[in-house]
Amino acid sequence: MGGCDLSGGDVLAYRMKVHGEEFIEAARALGAWVDDGQPARPEKPRAFSARDGLAVLDREALIAWTAAHNLAAGVDLTAADRERLTLAARRIATVKEACNA
């Protein structure tokens, strides 16, 4: 995915989108995150609308579909592909948990 395929946002948003990273992970990769030595505080799951949940499912299902399609076509998944697929599965599970809460 090239830069011309994306619009708006900043370099951090670009990094997050292209690499499928969360905010802190992308900020660390760009050298824009410095740990303050404090223990990480677990984030509470935040409520989101059904529309937001469907948007997450749509995006992550597309990732899963693409990986399945590539495997069916005999294309081996790279380590990055497997990481992104694992992230998609976690996000789908998060939406499922939010719906069951």
N, C-alpha and C. Protein backbone atom coordinates (compact mmCIF):
# COMPACT_ATOMS: atom_id res chain seq x y z
N MET A 1 0.85 -1.16 0.00
CA MET A 1 0.00 0.00 0.00
C MET A 1 0.90 1.22 0.00
N GLY A 2 0.78 2.06 -0.97
CA GLY A 2 1.62 3.24 -1.06
C GLY A 2 0.97 4.43 -0.39
N GLY A 3 1.77 5.47 -0.18
CA GLY A 3 1.29 6.67 0.45
C GLY A 3 0.15 7.33 -0.31
N CYS A 4 0.12 7.18 -1.64
CA CYS A 4 -0.93 7.82 -2.42
C CYS A 4 -2.28 7.15 -2.21
N ASP A 5 -2.30 5.97 -1.61
CA ASP A 5 -3.55 5.27 -1.36
C ASP A 5 -4.24 5.76 -0.10
N LEU A 6 -3.55 6.56 0.71
CA LEU A 6 -4.08 7.01 1.99
C LEU A 6 -4.20 8.53 1.96
N SER A 7 -5.15 9.04 2.71
CA SER A 7 -5.28 10.49 2.77
C SER A 7 -5.59 10.91 4.18
N GLY A 8 -5.20 12.15 4.51
CA GLY A 8 -5.48 12.70 5.82
C GLY A 8 -4.59 12.10 6.88
N GLY A 9 -4.70 12.61 8.08
CA GLY A 9 -3.94 12.08 9.20
C GLY A 9 -2.51 12.56 9.20
N ASP A 10 -1.70 11.91 10.00
CA ASP A 10 -0.30 12.28 10.12
C ASP A 10 0.54 11.02 9.97
N VAL A 11 1.84 11.16 10.19
CA VAL A 11 2.74 10.02 10.01
C VAL A 11 2.40 8.90 10.99
N LEU A 12 1.95 9.24 12.18
CA LEU A 12 1.58 8.22 13.16
C LEU A 12 0.34 7.45 12.69
N ALA A 13 -0.66 8.17 12.22
CA ALA A 13 -1.87 7.51 11.69
C ALA A 13 -1.52 6.64 10.49
N TYR A 14 -0.62 7.13 9.64
CA TYR A 14 -0.18 6.37 8.48
C TYR A 14 0.49 5.07 8.91
N ARG A 15 1.41 5.17 9.88
CA ARG A 15 2.11 3.99 10.38
C ARG A 15 1.12 2.98 10.94
N MET A 16 0.15 3.47 11.73
CA MET A 16 -0.84 2.57 12.34
C MET A 16 -1.62 1.84 11.26
N LYS A 17 -2.04 2.57 10.23
CA LYS A 17 -2.87 1.97 9.19
C LYS A 17 -2.07 0.98 8.33
N VAL A 18 -0.90 1.39 7.89
CA VAL A 18 -0.11 0.55 6.99
C VAL A 18 0.38 -0.72 7.67
N HIS A 19 0.79 -0.61 8.95
CA HIS A 19 1.37 -1.76 9.65
C HIS A 19 0.38 -2.44 10.59
N GLY A 20 -0.86 -1.92 10.67
CA GLY A 20 -1.85 -2.54 11.55
C GLY A 20 -1.46 -2.47 13.01
N GLU A 21 -0.76 -1.39 13.38
CA GLU A 21 -0.27 -1.25 14.75
C GLU A 21 -1.22 -0.41 15.60
N GLU A 22 -1.15 -0.63 16.89
CA GLU A 22 -1.87 0.21 17.83
C GLU A 22 -1.05 1.48 18.04
N PHE A 23 -1.63 2.49 18.70
CA PHE A 23 -1.01 3.79 18.87
C PHE A 23 0.39 3.70 19.48
N ILE A 24 0.51 3.06 20.64
CA ILE A 24 1.80 3.02 21.33
C ILE A 24 2.83 2.25 20.51
N GLU A 25 2.41 1.15 19.92
CA GLU A 25 3.32 0.34 19.11
C GLU A 25 3.86 1.17 17.94
N ALA A 26 3.00 1.92 17.27
CA ALA A 26 3.43 2.76 16.14
C ALA A 26 4.32 3.90 16.63
N ALA A 27 3.95 4.51 17.75
CA ALA A 27 4.76 5.61 18.29
C ALA A 27 6.16 5.12 18.67
N ARG A 28 6.24 3.94 19.26
CA ARG A 28 7.56 3.38 19.60
C ARG A 28 8.39 3.14 18.35
N ALA A 29 7.75 2.57 17.31
CA ALA A 29 8.47 2.28 16.07
C ALA A 29 9.01 3.55 15.43
N LEU A 30 8.31 4.66 15.62
CA LEU A 30 8.75 5.93 15.05
C LEU A 30 9.68 6.71 15.98
N GLY A 31 9.95 6.16 17.16
CA GLY A 31 10.81 6.84 18.12
C GLY A 31 10.13 7.99 18.82
N ALA A 32 8.79 7.98 18.81
CA ALA A 32 8.02 9.08 19.40
C ALA A 32 7.41 8.70 20.74
N TRP A 33 7.80 7.58 21.29
CA TRP A 33 7.23 7.13 22.56
C TRP A 33 8.38 6.83 23.51
N VAL A 34 8.35 7.43 24.66
CA VAL A 34 9.37 7.19 25.68
C VAL A 34 8.65 6.66 26.92
N ASP A 35 9.07 5.49 27.36
CA ASP A 35 8.47 4.92 28.57
C ASP A 35 8.86 5.79 29.76
N ASP A 36 7.90 6.06 30.64
CA ASP A 36 8.17 6.93 31.80
C ASP A 36 8.56 6.15 33.04
N GLY A 37 8.72 4.83 32.90
CA GLY A 37 9.11 4.01 34.04
C GLY A 37 7.94 3.59 34.91
N GLN A 38 6.77 4.13 34.65
CA GLN A 38 5.59 3.76 35.42
C GLN A 38 5.01 2.47 34.87
N PRO A 39 4.43 1.64 35.74
CA PRO A 39 3.82 0.42 35.23
C PRO A 39 2.64 0.77 34.32
N ALA A 40 2.47 -0.04 33.32
CA ALA A 40 1.36 0.18 32.40
C ALA A 40 0.03 -0.03 33.12
N ARG A 41 -0.88 0.86 32.88
CA ARG A 41 -2.22 0.73 33.45
C ARG A 41 -3.10 -0.01 32.46
N PRO A 42 -3.73 -1.08 32.89
CA PRO A 42 -4.59 -1.79 31.96
C PRO A 42 -5.74 -0.89 31.53
N GLU A 43 -6.01 -0.91 30.24
CA GLU A 43 -7.11 -0.11 29.72
C GLU A 43 -8.42 -0.87 29.90
N LYS A 44 -9.44 -0.15 30.33
CA LYS A 44 -10.76 -0.75 30.41
C LYS A 44 -11.36 -0.73 29.01
N PRO A 45 -12.02 -1.80 28.63
CA PRO A 45 -12.66 -1.78 27.32
C PRO A 45 -13.69 -0.65 27.30
N ARG A 46 -13.66 0.11 26.24
CA ARG A 46 -14.62 1.20 26.15
C ARG A 46 -15.80 0.77 25.29
N ALA A 47 -16.93 1.29 25.63
CA ALA A 47 -18.14 0.96 24.87
C ALA A 47 -18.07 1.64 23.51
N PHE A 48 -18.57 0.98 22.52
CA PHE A 48 -18.66 1.60 21.21
C PHE A 48 -19.98 1.21 20.58
N SER A 49 -20.38 1.98 19.61
CA SER A 49 -21.69 1.78 18.99
C SER A 49 -21.69 0.52 18.13
N ALA A 50 -22.89 0.07 17.82
CA ALA A 50 -23.03 -1.08 16.93
C ALA A 50 -22.41 -0.76 15.57
N ARG A 51 -22.55 0.48 15.14
CA ARG A 51 -21.97 0.89 13.85
C ARG A 51 -20.44 0.76 13.90
N ASP A 52 -19.84 1.21 15.01
CA ASP A 52 -18.39 1.09 15.15
C ASP A 52 -17.97 -0.38 15.19
N GLY A 53 -18.76 -1.20 15.90
CA GLY A 53 -18.46 -2.62 15.96
C GLY A 53 -18.50 -3.27 14.59
N LEU A 54 -19.50 -2.90 13.80
CA LEU A 54 -19.61 -3.45 12.44
C LEU A 54 -18.46 -2.98 11.57
N ALA A 55 -18.01 -1.75 11.76
CA ALA A 55 -16.88 -1.24 10.97
C ALA A 55 -15.61 -2.04 11.30
N VAL A 56 -15.41 -2.33 12.58
CA VAL A 56 -14.25 -3.13 12.99
C VAL A 56 -14.36 -4.53 12.38
N LEU A 57 -15.53 -5.14 12.51
CA LEU A 57 -15.72 -6.48 11.96
C LEU A 57 -15.50 -6.50 10.45
N ASP A 58 -15.98 -5.48 9.76
CA ASP A 58 -15.82 -5.41 8.31
C ASP A 58 -14.35 -5.39 7.93
N ARG A 59 -13.59 -4.52 8.60
CA ARG A 59 -12.16 -4.39 8.28
C ARG A 59 -11.39 -5.65 8.63
N GLU A 60 -11.63 -6.19 9.82
CA GLU A 60 -10.87 -7.35 10.26
C GLU A 60 -11.28 -8.61 9.51
N ALA A 61 -12.55 -8.72 9.13
CA ALA A 61 -13.00 -9.87 8.33
C ALA A 61 -12.34 -9.84 6.96
N LEU A 62 -12.13 -8.64 6.42
CA LEU A 62 -11.45 -8.52 5.13
C LEU A 62 -10.01 -9.02 5.24
N ILE A 63 -9.35 -8.71 6.35
CA ILE A 63 -7.99 -9.21 6.58
C ILE A 63 -8.00 -10.73 6.62
N ALA A 64 -8.95 -11.30 7.38
CA ALA A 64 -9.04 -12.76 7.50
C ALA A 64 -9.36 -13.40 6.15
N TRP A 65 -10.27 -12.78 5.41
CA TRP A 65 -10.63 -13.31 4.09
C TRP A 65 -9.43 -13.30 3.16
N THR A 66 -8.68 -12.21 3.16
CA THR A 66 -7.51 -12.09 2.30
C THR A 66 -6.48 -13.17 2.63
N ALA A 67 -6.25 -13.39 3.91
CA ALA A 67 -5.29 -14.42 4.32
C ALA A 67 -5.78 -15.80 3.88
N ALA A 68 -7.06 -16.08 4.09
CA ALA A 68 -7.62 -17.37 3.68
C ALA A 68 -7.53 -17.55 2.17
N HIS A 69 -7.83 -16.50 1.44
CA HIS A 69 -7.75 -16.55 -0.03
C HIS A 69 -6.32 -16.84 -0.48
N ASN A 70 -5.37 -16.15 0.12
CA ASN A 70 -3.97 -16.37 -0.23
C ASN A 70 -3.53 -17.80 0.09
N LEU A 71 -3.93 -18.30 1.25
CA LEU A 71 -3.57 -19.68 1.60
C LEU A 71 -4.19 -20.67 0.62
N ALA A 72 -5.45 -20.44 0.24
CA ALA A 72 -6.13 -21.33 -0.70
C ALA A 72 -5.45 -21.31 -2.07
N ALA A 73 -4.83 -20.17 -2.39
CA ALA A 73 -4.13 -20.04 -3.67
C ALA A 73 -2.69 -20.54 -3.59
N GLY A 74 -2.30 -21.07 -2.41
CA GLY A 74 -0.96 -21.61 -2.26
C GLY A 74 0.09 -20.58 -1.88
N VAL A 75 -0.34 -19.39 -1.48
CA VAL A 75 0.59 -18.34 -1.08
C VAL A 75 0.88 -18.49 0.41
N ASP A 76 2.15 -18.62 0.76
CA ASP A 76 2.52 -18.71 2.17
C ASP A 76 2.38 -17.35 2.83
N LEU A 77 1.89 -17.35 4.07
CA LEU A 77 1.78 -16.11 4.82
C LEU A 77 3.13 -15.76 5.41
N THR A 78 3.48 -14.50 5.32
CA THR A 78 4.73 -14.03 5.93
C THR A 78 4.49 -13.89 7.43
N ALA A 79 5.56 -13.67 8.17
CA ALA A 79 5.42 -13.43 9.61
C ALA A 79 4.55 -12.21 9.86
N ALA A 80 4.73 -11.17 9.05
CA ALA A 80 3.91 -9.96 9.20
C ALA A 80 2.44 -10.26 8.91
N ASP A 81 2.18 -11.10 7.90
CA ASP A 81 0.80 -11.49 7.59
C ASP A 81 0.18 -12.24 8.76
N ARG A 82 0.94 -13.15 9.36
CA ARG A 82 0.42 -13.92 10.49
C ARG A 82 0.16 -13.02 11.69
N GLU A 83 1.05 -12.06 11.93
CA GLU A 83 0.84 -11.11 13.03
C GLU A 83 -0.43 -10.30 12.80
N ARG A 84 -0.62 -9.82 11.56
CA ARG A 84 -1.80 -9.01 11.24
C ARG A 84 -3.06 -9.84 11.36
N LEU A 85 -3.01 -11.10 10.97
CA LEU A 85 -4.16 -11.99 11.09
C LEU A 85 -4.49 -12.24 12.56
N THR A 86 -3.47 -12.41 13.38
CA THR A 86 -3.67 -12.58 14.82
C THR A 86 -4.30 -11.34 15.43
N LEU A 87 -3.84 -10.17 15.01
CA LEU A 87 -4.42 -8.92 15.48
C LEU A 87 -5.89 -8.82 15.06
N ALA A 88 -6.19 -9.21 13.84
CA ALA A 88 -7.57 -9.19 13.38
C ALA A 88 -8.44 -10.10 14.24
N ALA A 89 -7.93 -11.28 14.55
CA ALA A 89 -8.70 -12.21 15.39
C ALA A 89 -8.94 -11.63 16.78
N ARG A 90 -7.93 -10.97 17.35
CA ARG A 90 -8.10 -10.35 18.67
C ARG A 90 -9.15 -9.24 18.62
N ARG A 91 -9.12 -8.44 17.56
CA ARG A 91 -10.10 -7.36 17.44
C ARG A 91 -11.51 -7.90 17.25
N ILE A 92 -11.65 -8.95 16.48
CA ILE A 92 -12.96 -9.58 16.30
C ILE A 92 -13.46 -10.11 17.65
N ALA A 93 -12.57 -10.74 18.41
CA ALA A 93 -12.94 -11.26 19.73
C ALA A 93 -13.34 -10.12 20.67
N THR A 94 -12.66 -8.99 20.56
CA THR A 94 -12.99 -7.83 21.40
C THR A 94 -14.40 -7.34 21.11
N VAL A 95 -14.75 -7.28 19.83
CA VAL A 95 -16.11 -6.85 19.46
C VAL A 95 -17.11 -7.86 20.00
N LYS A 96 -16.80 -9.14 19.88
CA LYS A 96 -17.70 -10.18 20.38
C LYS A 96 -17.92 -10.03 21.88
N GLU A 97 -16.83 -9.80 22.62
CA GLU A 97 -16.95 -9.61 24.08
C GLU A 97 -17.79 -8.39 24.41
N ALA A 98 -17.60 -7.33 23.66
CA ALA A 98 -18.36 -6.09 23.90
C ALA A 98 -19.84 -6.33 23.65
N CYS A 99 -20.16 -7.15 22.66
CA CYS A 99 -21.56 -7.44 22.35
C CYS A 99 -22.20 -8.32 23.43
N ASN A 100 -21.39 -9.14 24.07
CA ASN A 100 -21.90 -10.04 25.10
C ASN A 100 -21.94 -9.40 26.48
N ALA A 101 -21.36 -8.21 26.61
CA ALA A 101 -21.30 -7.54 27.92
C ALA A 101 -22.64 -6.93 28.29
